[in-house]
């Protein structure tokens, strides 16, 4: 399984202090089928909780996810 980030997403993740471990955990949830919205094709939306808050006030990611092959974080 390969995990990639677009350059713009990497800047967003650094600014929001989202670690690579948290992104790997999000991919693990996707592999388990915990997807918040399917946007068509391989595009999915994933909600992720901010530290000390719930998912409601957390981050939203748009991800291109092909289970077991490749995951690309597109927007945050």
Foldseek 3Di string as FASTA:
>chain_A
DEEEEDPVVVVVCVVLVPDPVNVVVQLVCVLVVPFPADPDDQWTKDFDARVPGDSVPGDIWIWRDDHPPYIYTYGD
